[in-house]
């Protein structure tokens, strides 16, 4: 599986039995899967099937699904209410004989409400089901397009994410190589500070030894380095497996940031501090791109 983006677009057209339709799918970032469906032309009955089809293919993203339907004809016929028209004609003739005003023509009378009635053409279940099947098949094509578009965007994301992880690894390696991060450098610095204190006055050697051990523990960044390396391996494993890994990567970014903060707090020189700050910048860039991953 590949990394998939939550951003995408798809459009398909179809036609059958005097109907033409267009599906449009638009997807943007979201914490979960939010499907908003708009169906017109009397196809609202398909909403449940549309939601089910989308949810089977996608796990995250705000997805807008729109169906626009156009009928080649309205499917209606007309019939004349002859009884009403006959009454109106009789009245027209009566007024025509007793008044100087024209009572109007048959065409005028046909415009009277109720004379010309609309009769909806009845559709059998088999025809409707066949058309629904064609409409849903067209939706399936649109979903395939959306999936392909999100995968294409995901491939670009994958390259950027791997680049950020590589930069994190390079910065961690630099931090590890800093002289201040090595155990012998820490011991030498603490020894020098203790010697200065001993020369300045009388101190309890045992207490100084305990304090020195505590300071050495606090200054040691080997655990943070090891955890950062483990996070780097985990990030690359997730990217290789692909799929809906956005939430996991977002959590991993939090763990990356936690170790970077600890590294900064333990830094005892400008070089290591700069490494910690650079890590935080790169991790923030990584997390920004992770928000686009399904």
C-alpha atoms as a PDB file:
ATOM      1  CA  UNK A   1       0.000   0.000   0.000  1.00  0.00           C
ATOM      2  CA  UNK A   2       1.063   3.564  -0.638  1.00  0.00           C
ATOM      3  CA  UNK A   3       0.652   6.761   1.341  1.00  0.00           C
ATOM      4  CA  UNK A   4      -2.664   8.398   0.499  1.00  0.00           C
ATOM      5  CA  UNK A   5      -3.486  12.095   0.698  1.00  0.00           C
ATOM      6  CA  UNK A   6      -6.850  13.358   1.935  1.00  0.00           C
ATOM      7  CA  UNK A   7      -6.998  15.911  -0.890  1.00  0.00           C
ATOM      8  CA  UNK A   8      -8.566  14.938  -4.193  1.00  0.00           C
ATOM      9  CA  UNK A   9     -11.180  15.559  -6.895  1.00  0.00           C
ATOM     10  CA  UNK A  10     -13.158  13.341  -9.273  1.00  0.00           C
ATOM     11  CA  UNK A  11     -15.889  13.817 -11.895  1.00  0.00           C
ATOM     12  CA  UNK A  12     -17.802  11.313 -14.034  1.00  0.00           C
ATOM     13  CA  UNK A  13     -20.736  11.607 -16.441  1.00  0.00           C
ATOM     14  CA  UNK A  14     -23.396   9.104 -17.438  1.00  0.00           C
ATOM     15  CA  UNK A  15     -26.691   8.791 -19.293  1.00  0.00           C
ATOM     16  CA  UNK A  16     -29.547   6.282 -19.574  1.00  0.00           C
ATOM     17  CA  UNK A  17     -33.284   6.239 -20.368  1.00  0.00           C
ATOM     18  CA  UNK A  18     -33.560   9.948 -21.086  1.00  0.00           C
ATOM     19  CA  UNK A  19     -31.544  10.944 -18.001  1.00  0.00           C
ATOM     20  CA  UNK A  20     -28.082  12.482 -17.905  1.00  0.00           C
ATOM     21  CA  UNK A  21     -26.051  12.883 -14.731  1.00  0.00           C
ATOM     22  CA  UNK A  22     -22.744  14.063 -13.342  1.00  0.00           C
ATOM     23  CA  UNK A  23     -21.000  12.936 -10.164  1.00  0.00           C
ATOM     24  CA  UNK A  24     -18.538  15.298  -8.483  1.00  0.00           C
ATOM     25  CA  UNK A  25     -16.391  14.260  -5.508  1.00  0.00           C
ATOM     26  CA  UNK A  26     -14.220  16.698  -3.569  1.00  0.00           C
ATOM     27  CA  UNK A  27     -12.050  15.756  -0.613  1.00  0.00           C
ATOM     28  CA  UNK A  28     -10.038  17.852   1.852  1.00  0.00           C
ATOM     29  CA  UNK A  29      -8.336  17.244   5.195  1.00  0.00           C
ATOM     30  CA  UNK A  30     -10.356  16.069   8.170  1.00  0.00           C
ATOM     31  CA  UNK A  31      -9.862  14.394  11.536  1.00  0.00           C
ATOM     32  CA  UNK A  32     -12.132  11.527  10.517  1.00  0.00           C
ATOM     33  CA  UNK A  33     -14.349  10.615   7.571  1.00  0.00           C
ATOM     34  CA  UNK A  34     -17.133  13.149   7.065  1.00  0.00           C
ATOM     35  CA  UNK A  35     -19.284  12.474   3.975  1.00  0.00           C
ATOM     36  CA  UNK A  36     -21.704  15.171   2.810  1.00  0.00           C
ATOM     37  CA  UNK A  37     -24.097  14.008   0.096  1.00  0.00           C
ATOM     38  CA  UNK A  38     -26.229  16.156  -2.229  1.00  0.00           C
ATOM     39  CA  UNK A  39     -28.523  14.266  -4.621  1.00  0.00           C
ATOM     40  CA  UNK A  40     -31.097  15.942  -6.840  1.00  0.00           C
ATOM     41  CA  UNK A  41     -33.586  14.840  -9.473  1.00  0.00           C
ATOM     42  CA  UNK A  42     -35.466  12.481  -7.145  1.00  0.00           C
ATOM     43  CA  UNK A  43     -32.418  10.306  -6.461  1.00  0.00           C
ATOM     44  CA  UNK A  44     -32.332  10.984  -2.719  1.00  0.00           C
ATOM     45  CA  UNK A  45     -33.195   7.325  -2.168  1.00  0.00           C
ATOM     46  CA  UNK A  46     -29.586   6.438  -3.070  1.00  0.00           C
ATOM     47  CA  UNK A  47     -27.975   8.355  -0.196  1.00  0.00           C
ATOM     48  CA  UNK A  48     -27.427   5.336   2.065  1.00  0.00           C
ATOM     49  CA  UNK A  49     -25.744   3.382  -0.752  1.00  0.00           C
ATOM     50  CA  UNK A  50     -23.575   6.390  -1.637  1.00  0.00           C
ATOM     51  CA  UNK A  51     -22.347   6.774   1.948  1.00  0.00           C
ATOM     52  CA  UNK A  52     -21.658   3.053   2.197  1.00  0.00           C
ATOM     53  CA  UNK A  53     -19.657   3.031  -1.057  1.00  0.00           C
ATOM     54  CA  UNK A  54     -17.502   5.993   0.030  1.00  0.00           C
ATOM     55  CA  UNK A  55     -16.862   4.699   3.560  1.00  0.00           C
ATOM     56  CA  UNK A  56     -15.659   1.350   2.204  1.00  0.00           C
ATOM     57  CA  UNK A  57     -12.862   3.051   0.240  1.00  0.00           C
ATOM     58  CA  UNK A  58     -11.770   5.941   2.447  1.00  0.00           C
ATOM     59  CA  UNK A  59     -10.979   6.246   6.153  1.00  0.00           C
ATOM     60  CA  UNK A  60     -10.364   9.981   6.620  1.00  0.00           C
ATOM     61  CA  UNK A  61     -11.187  13.294   4.950  1.00  0.00           C
ATOM     62  CA  UNK A  62     -14.078  15.698   4.516  1.00  0.00           C
ATOM     63  CA  UNK A  63     -15.752  14.321   1.391  1.00  0.00           C
ATOM     64  CA  UNK A  64     -18.375  16.190  -0.621  1.00  0.00           C
ATOM     65  CA  UNK A  65     -20.425  14.011  -3.008  1.00  0.00           C
ATOM     66  CA  UNK A  66     -22.772  15.757  -5.462  1.00  0.00           C
ATOM     67  CA  UNK A  67     -25.112  14.258  -8.073  1.00  0.00           C
ATOM     68  CA  UNK A  68     -26.575  16.567 -10.723  1.00  0.00           C
ATOM     69  CA  UNK A  69     -29.305  15.006 -12.876  1.00  0.00           C
ATOM     70  CA  UNK A  70     -30.828  16.388 -16.084  1.00  0.00           C
ATOM     71  CA  UNK A  71     -33.847  14.857 -17.818  1.00  0.00           C
ATOM     72  CA  UNK A  72     -34.040  14.946 -21.609  1.00  0.00           C
ATOM     73  CA  UNK A  73     -37.815  15.260 -21.119  1.00  0.00           C
ATOM     74  CA  UNK A  74     -39.846  15.754 -17.985  1.00  0.00           C
ATOM     75  CA  UNK A  75     -41.628  12.449 -18.523  1.00  0.00           C
ATOM     76  CA  UNK A  76     -45.057  14.114 -18.320  1.00  0.00           C
ATOM     77  CA  UNK A  77     -48.083  14.129 -20.639  1.00  0.00           C
ATOM     78  CA  UNK A  78     -51.110  16.407 -20.706  1.00  0.00           C
ATOM     79  CA  UNK A  79     -54.829  15.768 -20.794  1.00  0.00           C
ATOM     80  CA  UNK A  80     -57.791  18.124 -21.244  1.00  0.00           C
ATOM     81  CA  UNK A  81     -60.502  18.323 -18.628  1.00  0.00           C
ATOM     82  CA  UNK A  82     -63.258  18.213 -21.227  1.00  0.00           C
ATOM     83  CA  UNK A  83     -66.090  18.637 -18.748  1.00  0.00           C
ATOM     84  CA  UNK A  84     -64.645  21.869 -17.377  1.00  0.00           C
ATOM     85  CA  UNK A  85     -63.764  23.139 -20.860  1.00  0.00           C
ATOM     86  CA  UNK A  86     -67.343  22.465 -22.062  1.00  0.00           C
ATOM     87  CA  UNK A  87     -68.764  24.484 -19.185  1.00  0.00           C
ATOM     88  CA  UNK A  88     -66.381  27.371 -19.951  1.00  0.00           C
ATOM     89  CA  UNK A  89     -67.313  27.319 -23.638  1.00  0.00           C
ATOM     90  CA  UNK A  90     -71.023  27.473 -22.774  1.00  0.00           C
ATOM     91  CA  UNK A  91     -70.396  30.427 -20.470  1.00  0.00           C
ATOM     92  CA  UNK A  92     -68.297  32.114 -23.143  1.00  0.00           C
ATOM     93  CA  UNK A  93     -71.089  31.741 -25.725  1.00  0.00           C
ATOM     94  CA  UNK A  94     -73.625  33.064 -23.248  1.00  0.00           C
ATOM     95  CA  UNK A  95     -71.581  36.174 -22.508  1.00  0.00           C
ATOM     96  CA  UNK A  96     -70.713  36.595 -26.148  1.00  0.00           C
ATOM     97  CA  UNK A  97     -74.432  36.920 -26.984  1.00  0.00           C
ATOM     98  CA  UNK A  98     -75.277  39.326 -24.172  1.00  0.00           C
ATOM     99  CA  UNK A  99     -72.169  41.485 -24.028  1.00  0.00           C
ATOM    100  CA  UNK A 100     -70.230  43.668 -26.397  1.00  0.00           C
ATOM    101  CA  UNK A 101     -67.019  42.289 -24.894  1.00  0.00           C
ATOM    102  CA  UNK A 102     -65.316  39.291 -26.489  1.00  0.00           C
ATOM    103  CA  UNK A 103     -65.486  36.216 -24.290  1.00  0.00           C
ATOM    104  CA  UNK A 104     -62.189  34.905 -25.654  1.00  0.00           C
ATOM    105  CA  UNK A 105     -61.069  31.997 -27.765  1.00  0.00           C
ATOM    106  CA  UNK A 106     -60.573  28.329 -27.028  1.00  0.00           C
ATOM    107  CA  UNK A 107     -56.834  29.023 -26.643  1.00  0.00           C
ATOM    108  CA  UNK A 108     -57.623  31.514 -23.896  1.00  0.00           C
ATOM    109  CA  UNK A 109     -59.899  29.042 -22.179  1.00  0.00           C
ATOM    110  CA  UNK A 110     -57.189  26.403 -22.262  1.00  0.00           C
ATOM    111  CA  UNK A 111     -55.076  28.649 -20.000  1.00  0.00           C
ATOM    112  CA  UNK A 112     -57.690  28.479 -17.255  1.00  0.00           C
ATOM    113  CA  UNK A 113     -56.371  26.494 -14.301  1.00  0.00           C
ATOM    114  CA  UNK A 114     -57.668  22.963 -14.318  1.00  0.00           C
ATOM    115  CA  UNK A 115     -58.500  22.754 -18.030  1.00  0.00           C
ATOM    116  CA  UNK A 116     -55.087  21.429 -19.067  1.00  0.00           C
ATOM    117  CA  UNK A 117     -53.824  18.903 -16.522  1.00  0.00           C
ATOM    118  CA  UNK A 118     -50.377  17.338 -16.183  1.00  0.00           C
ATOM    119  CA  UNK A 119     -50.247  13.565 -15.963  1.00  0.00           C
ATOM    120  CA  UNK A 120     -47.031  12.016 -14.670  1.00  0.00           C
ATOM    121  CA  UNK A 121     -45.827   8.989 -16.583  1.00  0.00           C
ATOM    122  CA  UNK A 122     -45.762   6.010 -14.258  1.00  0.00           C
ATOM    123  CA  UNK A 123     -42.424   4.207 -14.058  1.00  0.00           C
ATOM    124  CA  UNK A 124     -42.130   0.552 -13.190  1.00  0.00           C
ATOM    125  CA  UNK A 125     -39.729  -0.680 -10.513  1.00  0.00           C
ATOM    126  CA  UNK A 126     -37.554  -2.571 -12.976  1.00  0.00           C
ATOM    127  CA  UNK A 127     -36.801   0.566 -15.026  1.00  0.00           C
ATOM    128  CA  UNK A 128     -36.035   2.593 -11.937  1.00  0.00           C
ATOM    129  CA  UNK A 129     -33.753  -0.093 -10.484  1.00  0.00           C
ATOM    130  CA  UNK A 130     -31.870  -0.394 -13.777  1.00  0.00           C
ATOM    131  CA  UNK A 131     -31.271   3.355 -13.889  1.00  0.00           C
ATOM    132  CA  UNK A 132     -30.213   3.423 -10.221  1.00  0.00           C
ATOM    133  CA  UNK A 133     -27.715   0.687 -11.017  1.00  0.00           C
ATOM    134  CA  UNK A 134     -26.260   2.730 -13.886  1.00  0.00           C
ATOM    135  CA  UNK A 135     -26.006   5.822 -11.669  1.00  0.00           C
ATOM    136  CA  UNK A 136     -24.246   3.872  -8.901  1.00  0.00           C
ATOM    137  CA  UNK A 137     -21.860   2.274 -11.409  1.00  0.00           C
ATOM    138  CA  UNK A 138     -20.908   5.779 -12.502  1.00  0.00           C
ATOM    139  CA  UNK A 139     -20.321   6.671  -8.827  1.00  0.00           C
ATOM    140  CA  UNK A 140     -17.972   3.681  -8.558  1.00  0.00           C
ATOM    141  CA  UNK A 141     -15.930   5.120 -11.434  1.00  0.00           C
ATOM    142  CA  UNK A 142     -15.775   8.476  -9.645  1.00  0.00           C
ATOM    143  CA  UNK A 143     -14.597   6.773  -6.449  1.00  0.00           C
ATOM    144  CA  UNK A 144     -11.852   5.008  -8.430  1.00  0.00           C
ATOM    145  CA  UNK A 145     -10.778   8.380  -9.819  1.00  0.00           C
ATOM    146  CA  UNK A 146     -10.754   9.919  -6.350  1.00  0.00           C
ATOM    147  CA  UNK A 147      -8.704   7.022  -4.991  1.00  0.00           C
ATOM    148  CA  UNK A 148      -6.169   7.405  -7.817  1.00  0.00           C
ATOM    149  CA  UNK A 149      -5.950  11.182  -7.316  1.00  0.00           C
ATOM    150  CA  UNK A 150      -5.408  10.820  -3.577  1.00  0.00           C
ATOM    151  CA  UNK A 151      -2.734   8.178  -4.221  1.00  0.00           C
ATOM    152  CA  UNK A 152      -1.002  10.520  -6.685  1.00  0.00           C
ATOM    153  CA  UNK A 153      -0.982  13.313  -4.122  1.00  0.00           C
ATOM    154  CA  UNK A 154       0.127  10.776  -1.523  1.00  0.00           C
ATOM    155  CA  UNK A 155       3.203   9.873  -3.587  1.00  0.00           C
ATOM    156  CA  UNK A 156       4.280  13.518  -3.465  1.00  0.00           C
ATOM    157  CA  UNK A 157       3.632  13.583   0.276  1.00  0.00           C
ATOM    158  CA  UNK A 158       5.654  10.405   0.755  1.00  0.00           C
ATOM    159  CA  UNK A 159       8.728  12.018  -0.808  1.00  0.00           C
ATOM    160  CA  UNK A 160       8.410  15.125   1.388  1.00  0.00           C
ATOM    161  CA  UNK A 161       7.836  13.106   4.559  1.00  0.00           C
ATOM    162  CA  UNK A 162      10.849  10.893   3.916  1.00  0.00           C
ATOM    163  CA  UNK A 163      12.939  14.013   3.294  1.00  0.00           C
ATOM    164  CA  UNK A 164      11.923  15.428   6.687  1.00  0.00           C
ATOM    165  CA  UNK A 165      12.713  12.115   8.404  1.00  0.00           C
ATOM    166  CA  UNK A 166      16.143  12.084   6.719  1.00  0.00           C
ATOM    167  CA  UNK A 167      16.774  15.614   8.013  1.00  0.00           C
ATOM    168  CA  UNK A 168      15.746  14.549  11.511  1.00  0.00           C
ATOM    169  CA  UNK A 169      18.180  11.638  11.345  1.00  0.00           C
ATOM    170  CA  UNK A 170      21.026  13.902  10.191  1.00  0.00           C
ATOM    171  CA  UNK A 171      20.355  16.341  13.036  1.00  0.00           C
ATOM    172  CA  UNK A 172      20.188  13.528  15.609  1.00  0.00           C
ATOM    173  CA  UNK A 173      23.507  12.193  14.330  1.00  0.00           C
ATOM    174  CA  UNK A 174      25.006  15.649  14.694  1.00  0.00           C
ATOM    175  CA  UNK A 175      23.689  15.959  18.240  1.00  0.00           C
ATOM    176  CA  UNK A 176      25.125  12.565  19.100  1.00  0.00           C
ATOM    177  CA  UNK A 177      28.537  13.582  17.833  1.00  0.00           C
ATOM    178  CA  UNK A 178      28.661  16.815  19.821  1.00  0.00           C
ATOM    179  CA  UNK A 179      31.571  16.714  22.276  1.00  0.00           C
ATOM    180  CA  UNK A 180      29.244  17.788  25.074  1.00  0.00           C
ATOM    181  CA  UNK A 181      27.072  14.740  24.472  1.00  0.00           C
ATOM    182  CA  UNK A 182      29.898  12.272  25.093  1.00  0.00           C
ATOM    183  CA  UNK A 183      30.196  10.763  28.543  1.00  0.00           C
ATOM    184  CA  UNK A 184      33.887  11.618  28.955  1.00  0.00           C
ATOM    185  CA  UNK A 185      33.227  15.277  28.147  1.00  0.00           C
ATOM    186  CA  UNK A 186      30.469  15.421  30.762  1.00  0.00           C
ATOM    187  CA  UNK A 187      32.729  13.812  33.364  1.00  0.00           C
ATOM    188  CA  UNK A 188      35.577  16.194  32.594  1.00  0.00           C
ATOM    189  CA  UNK A 189      33.350  19.242  32.895  1.00  0.00           C
ATOM    190  CA  UNK A 190      31.869  18.087  36.200  1.00  0.00           C
ATOM    191  CA  UNK A 191      35.305  17.232  37.576  1.00  0.00           C
ATOM    192  CA  UNK A 192      36.559  20.696  36.716  1.00  0.00           C
ATOM    193  CA  UNK A 193      33.564  22.331  38.413  1.00  0.00           C
ATOM    194  CA  UNK A 194      33.993  20.183  41.541  1.00  0.00           C
ATOM    195  CA  UNK A 195      37.710  20.992  41.719  1.00  0.00           C
ATOM    196  CA  UNK A 196      36.878  24.697  41.576  1.00  0.00           C
ATOM    197  CA  UNK A 197      34.376  24.313  44.410  1.00  0.00           C
ATOM    198  CA  UNK A 198      36.843  22.304  46.539  1.00  0.00           C
ATOM    199  CA  UNK A 199      39.479  24.972  46.086  1.00  0.00           C
ATOM    200  CA  UNK A 200      37.008  27.669  47.139  1.00  0.00           C
ATOM    201  CA  UNK A 201      36.111  26.134  50.503  1.00  0.00           C
ATOM    202  CA  UNK A 202      35.325  23.050  52.572  1.00  0.00           C
ATOM    203  CA  UNK A 203      32.637  20.751  51.162  1.00  0.00           C
ATOM    204  CA  UNK A 204      31.445  17.269  51.983  1.00  0.00           C
ATOM    205  CA  UNK A 205      33.088  15.028  49.349  1.00  0.00           C
ATOM    206  CA  UNK A 206      30.311  12.442  49.647  1.00  0.00           C
ATOM    207  CA  UNK A 207      27.610  15.039  49.054  1.00  0.00           C
ATOM    208  CA  UNK A 208      29.541  16.454  46.121  1.00  0.00           C
ATOM    209  CA  UNK A 209      29.828  12.953  44.668  1.00  0.00           C
ATOM    210  CA  UNK A 210      26.039  12.474  44.879  1.00  0.00           C
ATOM    211  CA  UNK A 211      25.345  15.848  43.289  1.00  0.00           C
ATOM    212  CA  UNK A 212      27.862  15.152  40.547  1.00  0.00           C
ATOM    213  CA  UNK A 213      26.230  11.821  39.780  1.00  0.00           C
ATOM    214  CA  UNK A 214      22.815  13.510  39.615  1.00  0.00           C
ATOM    215  CA  UNK A 215      24.097  16.237  37.289  1.00  0.00           C
ATOM    216  CA  UNK A 216      25.778  13.677  35.071  1.00  0.00           C
ATOM    217  CA  UNK A 217      22.511  11.769  34.762  1.00  0.00           C
ATOM    218  CA  UNK A 218      20.591  14.919  33.867  1.00  0.00           C
ATOM    219  CA  UNK A 219      23.182  15.946  31.285  1.00  0.00           C
ATOM    220  CA  UNK A 220      23.309  12.539  29.567  1.00  0.00           C
ATOM    221  CA  UNK A 221      21.249  12.603  26.324  1.00  0.00           C
ATOM    222  CA  UNK A 222      21.916   9.039  25.242  1.00  0.00           C
ATOM    223  CA  UNK A 223      18.378   7.893  26.108  1.00  0.00           C
ATOM    224  CA  UNK A 224      16.860  10.744  24.092  1.00  0.00           C
ATOM    225  CA  UNK A 225      19.131   9.933  21.152  1.00  0.00           C
ATOM    226  CA  UNK A 226      18.159   6.253  21.305  1.00  0.00           C
ATOM    227  CA  UNK A 227      14.447   7.072  21.413  1.00  0.00           C
ATOM    228  CA  UNK A 228      14.773   9.515  18.520  1.00  0.00           C
ATOM    229  CA  UNK A 229      16.501   6.814  16.468  1.00  0.00           C
ATOM    230  CA  UNK A 230      13.695   4.378  17.303  1.00  0.00           C
ATOM    231  CA  UNK A 231      11.097   6.953  16.205  1.00  0.00           C
ATOM    232  CA  UNK A 232      12.963   7.415  12.915  1.00  0.00           C
ATOM    233  CA  UNK A 233      12.798   3.670  12.255  1.00  0.00           C
ATOM    234  CA  UNK A 234       9.080   3.611  13.155  1.00  0.00           C
ATOM    235  CA  UNK A 235       8.326   6.530  10.831  1.00  0.00           C
ATOM    236  CA  UNK A 236      10.039   4.839   7.893  1.00  0.00           C
ATOM    237  CA  UNK A 237       8.235   1.554   8.603  1.00  0.00           C
ATOM    238  CA  UNK A 238       4.872   3.364   8.550  1.00  0.00           C
ATOM    239  CA  UNK A 239       5.675   5.097   5.269  1.00  0.00           C
ATOM    240  CA  UNK A 240       6.714   1.778   3.735  1.00  0.00           C
ATOM    241  CA  UNK A 241       3.505   0.027   4.820  1.00  0.00           C
ATOM    242  CA  UNK A 242       1.343   2.966   3.705  1.00  0.00           C
ATOM    243  CA  UNK A 243      -2.436   2.964   4.033  1.00  0.00           C
ATOM    244  CA  UNK A 244      -4.365   5.056   6.557  1.00  0.00           C
ATOM    245  CA  UNK A 245      -1.360   6.016   8.716  1.00  0.00           C
ATOM    246  CA  UNK A 246      -2.096   9.707   9.264  1.00  0.00           C
ATOM    247  CA  UNK A 247      -3.179   9.392  12.905  1.00  0.00           C
ATOM    248  CA  UNK A 248      -0.200   7.190  13.789  1.00  0.00           C
ATOM    249  CA  UNK A 249       2.234   9.594  12.146  1.00  0.00           C
ATOM    250  CA  UNK A 250       0.669  12.518  13.979  1.00  0.00           C
ATOM    251  CA  UNK A 251       1.152  10.721  17.306  1.00  0.00           C
ATOM    252  CA  UNK A 252       4.750   9.886  16.359  1.00  0.00           C
ATOM    253  CA  UNK A 253       5.386  13.585  15.656  1.00  0.00           C
ATOM    254  CA  UNK A 254       4.295  14.332  19.224  1.00  0.00           C
ATOM    255  CA  UNK A 255       6.820  11.790  20.489  1.00  0.00           C
ATOM    256  CA  UNK A 256       9.526  13.295  18.286  1.00  0.00           C
ATOM    257  CA  UNK A 257       8.754  16.715  19.727  1.00  0.00           C
ATOM    258  CA  UNK A 258       8.822  15.418  23.288  1.00  0.00           C
ATOM    259  CA  UNK A 259      12.362  14.086  22.863  1.00  0.00           C
ATOM    260  CA  UNK A 260      13.490  17.285  21.129  1.00  0.00           C
ATOM    261  CA  UNK A 261      12.215  19.345  24.068  1.00  0.00           C
ATOM    262  CA  UNK A 262      14.083  17.128  26.523  1.00  0.00           C
ATOM    263  CA  UNK A 263      17.221  17.431  24.405  1.00  0.00           C
ATOM    264  CA  UNK A 264      16.987  21.216  24.545  1.00  0.00           C
ATOM    265  CA  UNK A 265      16.486  21.182  28.315  1.00  0.00           C
ATOM    266  CA  UNK A 266      19.592  19.005  28.787  1.00  0.00           C
ATOM    267  CA  UNK A 267      21.774  20.954  26.371  1.00  0.00           C
ATOM    268  CA  UNK A 268      24.868  22.342  28.064  1.00  0.00           C
ATOM    269  CA  UNK A 269      26.404  24.222  25.146  1.00  0.00           C
ATOM    270  CA  UNK A 270      25.301  26.254  22.138  1.00  0.00           C
ATOM    271  CA  UNK A 271      26.010  23.479  19.619  1.00  0.00           C
ATOM    272  CA  UNK A 272      23.694  20.976  21.263  1.00  0.00           C
ATOM    273  CA  UNK A 273      21.079  23.663  21.863  1.00  0.00           C
ATOM    274  CA  UNK A 274      21.137  24.486  18.153  1.00  0.00           C
ATOM    275  CA  UNK A 275      20.663  20.806  17.347  1.00  0.00           C
ATOM    276  CA  UNK A 276      17.603  20.667  19.588  1.00  0.00           C
ATOM    277  CA  UNK A 277      16.111  23.809  18.060  1.00  0.00           C
ATOM    278  CA  UNK A 278      16.761  22.546  14.530  1.00  0.00           C
ATOM    279  CA  UNK A 279      15.039  19.292  15.425  1.00  0.00           C
ATOM    280  CA  UNK A 280      11.955  21.171  16.607  1.00  0.00           C
ATOM    281  CA  UNK A 281      11.781  23.110  13.325  1.00  0.00           C
ATOM    282  CA  UNK A 282      12.056  19.967  11.189  1.00  0.00           C
ATOM    283  CA  UNK A 283       9.535  18.081  13.335  1.00  0.00           C
ATOM    284  CA  UNK A 284       7.088  20.962  12.957  1.00  0.00           C
ATOM    285  CA  UNK A 285       7.523  20.791   9.165  1.00  0.00           C
ATOM    286  CA  UNK A 286       6.962  17.036   9.285  1.00  0.00           C
ATOM    287  CA  UNK A 287       3.815  17.388  11.354  1.00  0.00           C
ATOM    288  CA  UNK A 288       2.413  20.039   9.017  1.00  0.00           C
ATOM    289  CA  UNK A 289       2.639  17.627   6.088  1.00  0.00           C
ATOM    290  CA  UNK A 290       1.321  14.725   8.158  1.00  0.00           C
ATOM    291  CA  UNK A 291      -1.986  16.600   8.491  1.00  0.00           C
ATOM    292  CA  UNK A 292      -2.572  15.832   4.792  1.00  0.00           C
ATOM    293  CA  UNK A 293      -2.093  12.067   5.168  1.00  0.00           C
ATOM    294  CA  UNK A 294      -5.148   9.822   5.316  1.00  0.00           C
END
